[in-house]
N, C-alpha and C. Protein backbone atom coordinates (compact mmCIF):
# COMPACT_ATOMS: atom_id res chain seq x y z
N UNK A 1 112.01 76.80 104.03
CA UNK A 1 111.15 77.93 103.70
C UNK A 1 111.17 78.12 102.19
N UNK A 2 110.02 78.30 101.62
CA UNK A 2 109.93 78.54 100.18
C UNK A 2 110.41 79.95 99.87
N UNK A 3 111.13 80.10 98.76
CA UNK A 3 111.69 81.41 98.44
C UNK A 3 110.61 82.44 98.16
N UNK A 4 109.37 82.03 97.79
CA UNK A 4 108.31 83.01 97.55
C UNK A 4 107.86 83.68 98.84
N UNK A 5 108.19 83.09 100.00
CA UNK A 5 107.85 83.70 101.29
C UNK A 5 108.97 84.60 101.81
N UNK A 6 110.10 84.62 101.13
CA UNK A 6 111.26 85.40 101.57
C UNK A 6 111.00 86.88 101.33
N UNK A 7 110.99 87.66 102.41
CA UNK A 7 110.80 89.11 102.32
C UNK A 7 112.08 89.77 102.81
N UNK A 8 112.92 90.28 101.90
CA UNK A 8 114.20 90.85 102.29
C UNK A 8 114.07 91.94 103.35
N UNK A 9 114.95 91.88 104.34
CA UNK A 9 115.06 92.89 105.40
C UNK A 9 113.85 92.89 106.34
N UNK A 10 113.03 91.84 106.31
CA UNK A 10 111.80 91.81 107.10
C UNK A 10 111.99 91.23 108.49
N UNK A 11 113.02 90.41 108.70
CA UNK A 11 113.21 89.77 110.00
C UNK A 11 114.64 89.29 110.15
N UNK A 12 114.90 88.65 111.26
CA UNK A 12 116.25 88.16 111.57
C UNK A 12 116.29 86.63 111.56
N UNK A 13 115.34 85.99 110.88
CA UNK A 13 115.26 84.53 111.00
C UNK A 13 115.19 83.75 109.70
N UNK A 14 114.75 84.33 108.62
CA UNK A 14 114.57 83.56 107.39
C UNK A 14 115.91 83.19 106.75
N UNK A 15 115.99 81.95 106.31
CA UNK A 15 117.16 81.47 105.58
C UNK A 15 116.65 80.63 104.42
N UNK A 16 117.16 80.92 103.22
CA UNK A 16 116.83 80.14 102.04
C UNK A 16 118.12 79.47 101.57
N UNK A 17 118.02 78.22 101.17
CA UNK A 17 119.20 77.50 100.70
C UNK A 17 118.98 77.11 99.24
N UNK A 18 119.97 77.43 98.42
CA UNK A 18 120.01 77.01 97.02
C UNK A 18 121.33 76.28 96.86
N UNK A 19 121.30 74.98 96.67
CA UNK A 19 122.53 74.21 96.67
C UNK A 19 123.21 74.36 98.01
N UNK A 20 124.47 74.76 98.00
CA UNK A 20 125.21 75.00 99.23
C UNK A 20 125.24 76.49 99.61
N UNK A 21 124.50 77.31 98.88
CA UNK A 21 124.44 78.75 99.15
C UNK A 21 123.29 79.04 100.10
N UNK A 22 123.58 79.73 101.19
CA UNK A 22 122.55 80.14 102.14
C UNK A 22 122.35 81.64 102.03
N UNK A 23 121.09 82.05 101.91
CA UNK A 23 120.72 83.45 101.87
C UNK A 23 120.02 83.74 103.20
N UNK A 24 120.68 84.53 104.03
CA UNK A 24 120.19 84.81 105.38
C UNK A 24 119.59 86.21 105.45
N UNK A 25 118.39 86.27 105.97
CA UNK A 25 117.68 87.54 106.10
C UNK A 25 118.06 88.22 107.41
N UNK A 26 118.28 89.51 107.36
CA UNK A 26 118.50 90.34 108.52
C UNK A 26 117.74 91.64 108.27
N UNK A 27 117.52 92.44 109.28
CA UNK A 27 116.79 93.69 109.07
C UNK A 27 117.66 94.76 108.42
N UNK A 28 119.00 94.60 108.51
CA UNK A 28 119.89 95.60 107.93
C UNK A 28 120.71 95.08 106.76
N UNK A 29 120.58 93.78 106.44
CA UNK A 29 121.33 93.21 105.32
C UNK A 29 120.77 91.83 104.96
N UNK A 30 121.12 91.38 103.80
CA UNK A 30 120.86 90.02 103.37
C UNK A 30 122.23 89.42 103.09
N UNK A 31 122.57 88.35 103.79
CA UNK A 31 123.90 87.76 103.69
C UNK A 31 123.85 86.50 102.84
N UNK A 32 124.80 86.39 101.91
CA UNK A 32 124.96 85.19 101.09
C UNK A 32 126.23 84.50 101.53
N UNK A 33 126.09 83.23 101.93
CA UNK A 33 127.24 82.48 102.42
C UNK A 33 127.22 81.09 101.82
N UNK A 34 128.39 80.57 101.53
CA UNK A 34 128.49 79.22 100.98
C UNK A 34 128.86 79.28 99.52
N UNK A 35 128.49 78.25 98.79
CA UNK A 35 128.84 78.18 97.39
C UNK A 35 127.69 77.62 96.58
N UNK A 36 127.71 77.93 95.30
CA UNK A 36 126.68 77.44 94.39
C UNK A 36 127.32 77.24 93.03
N UNK A 37 127.26 76.03 92.52
CA UNK A 37 127.74 75.74 91.17
C UNK A 37 126.53 75.63 90.26
N UNK A 38 126.41 76.57 89.34
CA UNK A 38 125.30 76.55 88.39
C UNK A 38 125.73 75.70 87.19
N UNK A 39 125.23 74.49 87.16
CA UNK A 39 125.60 73.55 86.11
C UNK A 39 124.82 73.84 84.83
N UNK A 40 125.39 73.43 83.72
CA UNK A 40 124.77 73.68 82.42
C UNK A 40 123.78 72.56 82.11
N UNK A 41 122.68 72.55 82.90
CA UNK A 41 121.62 71.58 82.72
C UNK A 41 120.34 72.15 83.32
N UNK A 42 119.27 71.38 83.31
CA UNK A 42 117.98 71.88 83.81
C UNK A 42 118.03 72.19 85.31
N UNK A 43 118.79 71.40 86.05
CA UNK A 43 118.93 71.66 87.49
C UNK A 43 119.64 72.99 87.72
N UNK A 44 120.69 73.24 86.94
CA UNK A 44 121.40 74.52 87.05
C UNK A 44 120.53 75.69 86.66
N UNK A 45 119.72 75.50 85.64
CA UNK A 45 118.79 76.55 85.22
C UNK A 45 117.78 76.85 86.32
N UNK A 46 117.26 75.82 86.96
CA UNK A 46 116.29 76.02 88.05
C UNK A 46 116.93 76.78 89.21
N UNK A 47 118.17 76.42 89.55
CA UNK A 47 118.86 77.12 90.63
C UNK A 47 119.15 78.56 90.25
N UNK A 48 119.55 78.79 89.02
CA UNK A 48 119.83 80.15 88.55
C UNK A 48 118.58 81.01 88.62
N UNK A 49 117.46 80.46 88.22
CA UNK A 49 116.19 81.21 88.27
C UNK A 49 115.78 81.51 89.71
N UNK A 50 115.99 80.54 90.60
CA UNK A 50 115.65 80.76 92.00
C UNK A 50 116.51 81.88 92.60
N UNK A 51 117.82 81.85 92.31
CA UNK A 51 118.72 82.90 92.79
C UNK A 51 118.35 84.25 92.19
N UNK A 52 118.05 84.26 90.91
CA UNK A 52 117.66 85.50 90.23
C UNK A 52 116.40 86.09 90.88
N UNK A 53 115.43 85.24 91.19
CA UNK A 53 114.20 85.71 91.82
C UNK A 53 114.45 86.30 93.20
N UNK A 54 115.28 85.64 93.99
CA UNK A 54 115.60 86.16 95.32
C UNK A 54 116.34 87.49 95.25
N UNK A 55 117.32 87.58 94.36
CA UNK A 55 118.07 88.83 94.23
C UNK A 55 117.20 89.95 93.68
N UNK A 56 116.25 89.63 92.81
CA UNK A 56 115.32 90.64 92.31
C UNK A 56 114.48 91.19 93.45
N UNK A 57 114.08 90.34 94.40
CA UNK A 57 113.32 90.81 95.57
C UNK A 57 114.17 91.76 96.41
N UNK A 58 115.45 91.42 96.57
CA UNK A 58 116.35 92.28 97.34
C UNK A 58 116.48 93.64 96.67
N UNK A 59 116.69 93.65 95.36
CA UNK A 59 116.83 94.91 94.61
C UNK A 59 115.55 95.74 94.72
N UNK A 60 114.40 95.11 94.56
CA UNK A 60 113.12 95.85 94.67
C UNK A 60 112.95 96.45 96.06
N UNK A 61 113.31 95.69 97.10
CA UNK A 61 113.19 96.21 98.46
C UNK A 61 114.10 97.41 98.67
N UNK A 62 115.32 97.35 98.16
CA UNK A 62 116.25 98.47 98.29
C UNK A 62 115.78 99.68 97.49
N UNK A 63 115.33 99.46 96.27
CA UNK A 63 114.89 100.57 95.42
C UNK A 63 113.63 101.25 95.96
N UNK A 64 112.80 100.51 96.68
CA UNK A 64 111.55 101.09 97.18
C UNK A 64 111.71 101.80 98.52
N UNK A 65 112.86 101.71 99.14
CA UNK A 65 113.11 102.34 100.43
C UNK A 65 113.48 103.81 100.21
N UNK A 66 112.57 104.70 100.51
CA UNK A 66 112.81 106.14 100.30
C UNK A 66 113.84 106.71 101.27
N UNK A 67 114.05 106.03 102.39
CA UNK A 67 115.01 106.50 103.40
C UNK A 67 116.29 105.67 103.40
N UNK A 68 116.64 105.12 102.26
CA UNK A 68 117.82 104.26 102.15
C UNK A 68 119.08 105.08 102.46
N UNK A 69 119.83 104.67 103.50
CA UNK A 69 121.04 105.42 103.83
C UNK A 69 122.15 105.16 102.81
N UNK A 70 123.14 106.03 102.80
CA UNK A 70 124.29 105.85 101.92
C UNK A 70 125.04 104.57 102.28
N UNK A 71 125.20 104.32 103.57
CA UNK A 71 125.89 103.12 104.05
C UNK A 71 125.37 102.79 105.44
N UNK A 72 125.08 101.53 105.69
CA UNK A 72 124.59 101.10 107.00
C UNK A 72 125.77 100.77 107.90
N UNK A 73 125.62 101.07 109.19
CA UNK A 73 126.65 100.76 110.18
C UNK A 73 126.45 99.31 110.62
N UNK A 74 127.42 98.46 110.31
CA UNK A 74 127.34 97.05 110.70
C UNK A 74 128.12 96.89 111.99
N UNK A 75 127.44 96.42 113.03
CA UNK A 75 128.06 96.22 114.33
C UNK A 75 128.55 94.78 114.39
N UNK A 76 129.82 94.62 114.74
CA UNK A 76 130.40 93.28 114.85
C UNK A 76 129.76 92.53 116.01
N UNK A 77 129.56 91.24 115.83
CA UNK A 77 129.01 90.39 116.88
C UNK A 77 130.01 90.27 118.02
N UNK A 78 129.50 90.22 119.24
CA UNK A 78 130.35 90.07 120.41
C UNK A 78 130.25 88.63 120.92
N UNK A 79 131.36 88.11 121.39
CA UNK A 79 131.37 86.79 122.03
C UNK A 79 131.12 87.00 123.52
N UNK A 80 130.16 86.27 124.03
CA UNK A 80 129.82 86.40 125.44
C UNK A 80 130.02 85.05 126.14
N UNK A 81 130.20 85.10 127.43
CA UNK A 81 130.37 83.88 128.21
C UNK A 81 129.08 83.07 128.15
N UNK A 82 129.21 81.77 128.01
CA UNK A 82 128.05 80.88 127.98
C UNK A 82 127.38 80.88 129.34
N UNK A 83 126.12 81.33 129.43
CA UNK A 83 125.45 81.39 130.72
C UNK A 83 125.06 80.00 131.25
N UNK A 84 125.13 78.99 130.41
CA UNK A 84 124.74 77.63 130.80
C UNK A 84 125.94 76.77 131.16
N UNK A 85 127.15 77.34 131.04
CA UNK A 85 128.35 76.54 131.33
C UNK A 85 128.67 76.51 132.80
């Protein structure tokens, strides 16, 4: 998925990858997982700009939310029995 299509907090399915860093979209959070080494070269600059653009979208989405709560309640995932086993 191209990062220009990434709409923070819009769905539970979008994932953008920059290097080994994955930016996962959720309706209540945007999760960053993995690692990213920003090298001092043109490739590092391109990755830094891509990350900066994605984070700017997240900040704009948060700032534009008039009903932004003080803190969101994050519910831990539950492990369930495999129905296909």
